[in-house]
Amino acid sequence: MNFYFGKYSELAQKVITSLLDKYESEGIVSIETGSVLKVQPLNQLGGPVELVKAFGKKKDFEKAIKELENELYETA
């Protein structure tokens, strides 16, 4: 999983870490919705647009989420 994190900016890594926390407490469905970027603790990192831009474009953010899901299930 370290390789996965290493390819993203510091802000993107914080988003991923927060998404992992959300996943742990609420399950995978919660991190797949765009609205997850509007709730704590993610909203404390920045607005949804800013957080998505940390990954590049929206498609890059969506790809990162899919990769995160793959990493979670691969290591499980």
N, C-alpha and C. Protein backbone atom coordinates (compact mmCIF):
# COMPACT_ATOMS: atom_id res chain seq x y z
N MET A 1 0.83 -1.19 0.00
CA MET A 1 0.00 0.00 0.00
C MET A 1 0.87 1.25 0.00
N ASN A 2 2.12 1.15 0.44
CA ASN A 2 3.00 2.32 0.44
C ASN A 2 3.21 2.88 -0.95
N PHE A 3 3.36 2.01 -1.96
CA PHE A 3 3.52 2.48 -3.33
C PHE A 3 2.28 3.27 -3.73
N TYR A 4 1.13 2.78 -3.35
CA TYR A 4 -0.12 3.45 -3.69
C TYR A 4 -0.13 4.88 -3.17
N PHE A 5 0.22 5.07 -1.91
CA PHE A 5 0.21 6.40 -1.31
C PHE A 5 1.28 7.30 -1.90
N GLY A 6 2.44 6.76 -2.17
CA GLY A 6 3.58 7.54 -2.61
C GLY A 6 3.39 8.28 -3.91
N LYS A 7 2.45 7.88 -4.72
CA LYS A 7 2.29 8.53 -6.02
C LYS A 7 1.40 9.76 -5.96
N TYR A 8 0.88 10.09 -4.79
CA TYR A 8 -0.03 11.23 -4.65
C TYR A 8 0.59 12.36 -3.83
N SER A 9 0.06 13.56 -4.04
CA SER A 9 0.50 14.73 -3.28
C SER A 9 0.13 14.57 -1.81
N GLU A 10 0.68 15.45 -0.99
CA GLU A 10 0.40 15.39 0.45
C GLU A 10 -1.09 15.54 0.73
N LEU A 11 -1.75 16.49 0.06
CA LEU A 11 -3.19 16.68 0.27
C LEU A 11 -3.96 15.45 -0.19
N ALA A 12 -3.60 14.90 -1.32
CA ALA A 12 -4.29 13.70 -1.82
C ALA A 12 -4.11 12.55 -0.84
N GLN A 13 -2.93 12.43 -0.26
CA GLN A 13 -2.69 11.37 0.73
C GLN A 13 -3.57 11.56 1.96
N LYS A 14 -3.76 12.82 2.37
CA LYS A 14 -4.65 13.09 3.51
C LYS A 14 -6.08 12.72 3.17
N VAL A 15 -6.49 13.00 1.93
CA VAL A 15 -7.84 12.63 1.49
C VAL A 15 -8.00 11.12 1.55
N ILE A 16 -7.02 10.40 1.03
CA ILE A 16 -7.08 8.94 1.03
C ILE A 16 -7.14 8.39 2.45
N THR A 17 -6.32 8.94 3.33
CA THR A 17 -6.33 8.49 4.72
C THR A 17 -7.69 8.73 5.36
N SER A 18 -8.27 9.89 5.09
CA SER A 18 -9.60 10.19 5.62
C SER A 18 -10.65 9.26 5.04
N LEU A 19 -10.52 8.95 3.75
CA LEU A 19 -11.45 8.01 3.12
C LEU A 19 -11.32 6.61 3.74
N LEU A 20 -10.10 6.23 4.05
CA LEU A 20 -9.90 4.94 4.72
C LEU A 20 -10.58 4.91 6.09
N ASP A 21 -10.49 6.02 6.81
CA ASP A 21 -11.17 6.12 8.11
C ASP A 21 -12.67 6.00 7.93
N LYS A 22 -13.20 6.67 6.89
CA LYS A 22 -14.64 6.59 6.60
C LYS A 22 -15.03 5.16 6.24
N TYR A 23 -14.21 4.53 5.41
CA TYR A 23 -14.48 3.15 5.01
C TYR A 23 -14.53 2.24 6.23
N GLU A 24 -13.58 2.44 7.14
CA GLU A 24 -13.51 1.61 8.34
C GLU A 24 -14.78 1.75 9.19
N SER A 25 -15.31 2.96 9.27
CA SER A 25 -16.47 3.18 10.12
C SER A 25 -17.81 3.00 9.40
N GLU A 26 -17.83 3.22 8.07
CA GLU A 26 -19.12 3.22 7.38
C GLU A 26 -19.23 2.29 6.18
N GLY A 27 -18.12 1.73 5.74
CA GLY A 27 -18.15 0.82 4.60
C GLY A 27 -17.85 1.50 3.28
N ILE A 28 -17.68 0.69 2.26
CA ILE A 28 -17.22 1.15 0.96
C ILE A 28 -18.20 2.08 0.27
N VAL A 29 -19.50 1.89 0.46
CA VAL A 29 -20.49 2.72 -0.22
C VAL A 29 -20.28 4.19 0.10
N SER A 30 -19.94 4.49 1.34
CA SER A 30 -19.80 5.89 1.74
C SER A 30 -18.66 6.59 1.02
N ILE A 31 -17.58 5.88 0.67
CA ILE A 31 -16.46 6.57 0.02
C ILE A 31 -16.65 6.66 -1.49
N GLU A 32 -17.61 5.94 -2.04
CA GLU A 32 -17.84 5.99 -3.48
C GLU A 32 -18.72 7.18 -3.88
N THR A 33 -19.35 7.81 -2.93
CA THR A 33 -20.22 8.92 -3.27
C THR A 33 -19.44 10.23 -3.18
N GLY A 34 -19.71 11.13 -4.12
CA GLY A 34 -19.03 12.42 -4.12
C GLY A 34 -19.34 13.24 -2.89
N SER A 35 -20.49 12.99 -2.28
CA SER A 35 -20.87 13.76 -1.10
C SER A 35 -19.98 13.49 0.10
N VAL A 36 -19.20 12.41 0.07
CA VAL A 36 -18.32 12.11 1.18
C VAL A 36 -17.29 13.22 1.37
N LEU A 37 -16.99 13.97 0.31
CA LEU A 37 -16.02 15.06 0.40
C LEU A 37 -16.56 16.26 1.16
N LYS A 38 -17.85 16.26 1.45
CA LYS A 38 -18.48 17.40 2.13
C LYS A 38 -18.64 17.18 3.63
N VAL A 39 -18.26 16.01 4.13
CA VAL A 39 -18.46 15.71 5.55
C VAL A 39 -17.12 15.62 6.27
N GLN A 40 -17.18 15.69 7.59
CA GLN A 40 -15.97 15.62 8.40
C GLN A 40 -15.36 14.24 8.29
N PRO A 41 -14.10 14.12 8.32
CA PRO A 41 -13.07 15.15 8.46
C PRO A 41 -12.63 15.73 7.11
N LEU A 42 -13.17 15.21 6.02
CA LEU A 42 -12.73 15.65 4.70
C LEU A 42 -13.00 17.12 4.44
N ASN A 43 -14.10 17.64 4.92
CA ASN A 43 -14.42 19.04 4.67
C ASN A 43 -13.45 19.98 5.38
N GLN A 44 -12.70 19.46 6.34
CA GLN A 44 -11.70 20.28 7.02
C GLN A 44 -10.40 20.39 6.21
N LEU A 45 -10.26 19.52 5.20
CA LEU A 45 -9.08 19.56 4.34
C LEU A 45 -9.24 20.54 3.19
N GLY A 46 -10.49 20.88 2.88
CA GLY A 46 -10.77 21.79 1.78
C GLY A 46 -12.13 21.47 1.18
N GLY A 47 -12.54 22.28 0.22
CA GLY A 47 -13.81 22.05 -0.46
C GLY A 47 -13.70 20.87 -1.42
N PRO A 48 -14.83 20.32 -1.84
CA PRO A 48 -14.82 19.17 -2.75
C PRO A 48 -14.00 19.39 -4.02
N VAL A 49 -14.12 20.57 -4.62
CA VAL A 49 -13.38 20.85 -5.86
C VAL A 49 -11.87 20.83 -5.58
N GLU A 50 -11.47 21.46 -4.50
CA GLU A 50 -10.06 21.49 -4.14
C GLU A 50 -9.52 20.09 -3.87
N LEU A 51 -10.31 19.26 -3.19
CA LEU A 51 -9.87 17.92 -2.87
C LEU A 51 -9.75 17.06 -4.13
N VAL A 52 -10.68 17.20 -5.04
CA VAL A 52 -10.61 16.46 -6.30
C VAL A 52 -9.39 16.91 -7.11
N LYS A 53 -9.13 18.21 -7.12
CA LYS A 53 -7.99 18.75 -7.87
C LYS A 53 -6.66 18.25 -7.32
N ALA A 54 -6.63 17.83 -6.06
CA ALA A 54 -5.41 17.27 -5.49
C ALA A 54 -4.97 16.01 -6.24
N PHE A 55 -5.92 15.39 -6.93
CA PHE A 55 -5.63 14.18 -7.71
C PHE A 55 -5.45 14.49 -9.19
N GLY A 56 -5.78 15.70 -9.59
CA GLY A 56 -5.75 16.08 -10.99
C GLY A 56 -7.16 16.49 -11.40
N LYS A 57 -7.74 15.71 -12.28
CA LYS A 57 -9.12 15.95 -12.74
C LYS A 57 -10.06 14.99 -12.05
N LYS A 58 -11.37 15.18 -12.26
CA LYS A 58 -12.37 14.33 -11.62
C LYS A 58 -12.14 12.86 -11.96
N LYS A 59 -11.80 12.58 -13.21
CA LYS A 59 -11.57 11.19 -13.60
C LYS A 59 -10.37 10.60 -12.86
N ASP A 60 -9.38 11.45 -12.53
CA ASP A 60 -8.23 10.99 -11.76
C ASP A 60 -8.63 10.65 -10.32
N PHE A 61 -9.51 11.47 -9.77
CA PHE A 61 -10.02 11.20 -8.42
C PHE A 61 -10.80 9.89 -8.42
N GLU A 62 -11.68 9.72 -9.41
CA GLU A 62 -12.47 8.48 -9.50
C GLU A 62 -11.57 7.26 -9.67
N LYS A 63 -10.51 7.41 -10.46
CA LYS A 63 -9.55 6.32 -10.65
C LYS A 63 -8.86 5.99 -9.33
N ALA A 64 -8.50 7.03 -8.57
CA ALA A 64 -7.85 6.83 -7.27
C ALA A 64 -8.75 6.07 -6.32
N ILE A 65 -10.05 6.38 -6.35
CA ILE A 65 -11.00 5.67 -5.49
C ILE A 65 -11.06 4.20 -5.88
N LYS A 66 -11.13 3.93 -7.18
CA LYS A 66 -11.16 2.54 -7.65
C LYS A 66 -9.88 1.80 -7.25
N GLU A 67 -8.73 2.48 -7.39
CA GLU A 67 -7.47 1.87 -6.99
C GLU A 67 -7.44 1.60 -5.49
N LEU A 68 -7.99 2.52 -4.72
CA LEU A 68 -8.06 2.34 -3.27
C LEU A 68 -8.90 1.11 -2.94
N GLU A 69 -10.05 0.99 -3.59
CA GLU A 69 -10.89 -0.19 -3.38
C GLU A 69 -10.14 -1.46 -3.74
N ASN A 70 -9.44 -1.44 -4.86
CA ASN A 70 -8.66 -2.63 -5.27
C ASN A 70 -7.60 -2.97 -4.25
N GLU A 71 -6.90 -1.96 -3.74
CA GLU A 71 -5.88 -2.18 -2.72
C GLU A 71 -6.48 -2.77 -1.44
N LEU A 72 -7.65 -2.26 -1.06
CA LEU A 72 -8.31 -2.76 0.15
C LEU A 72 -8.66 -4.22 0.02
N TYR A 73 -9.21 -4.59 -1.12
CA TYR A 73 -9.65 -5.98 -1.29
C TYR A 73 -8.49 -6.91 -1.60
N GLU A 74 -7.43 -6.39 -2.19
CA GLU A 74 -6.26 -7.20 -2.50
C GLU A 74 -5.52 -7.58 -1.24
N THR A 75 -5.46 -6.67 -0.27
CA THR A 75 -4.73 -6.94 0.98
C THR A 75 -5.59 -7.62 2.02
N ALA A 76 -6.88 -7.70 1.78
CA ALA A 76 -7.79 -8.31 2.76
C ALA A 76 -7.68 -9.82 2.76
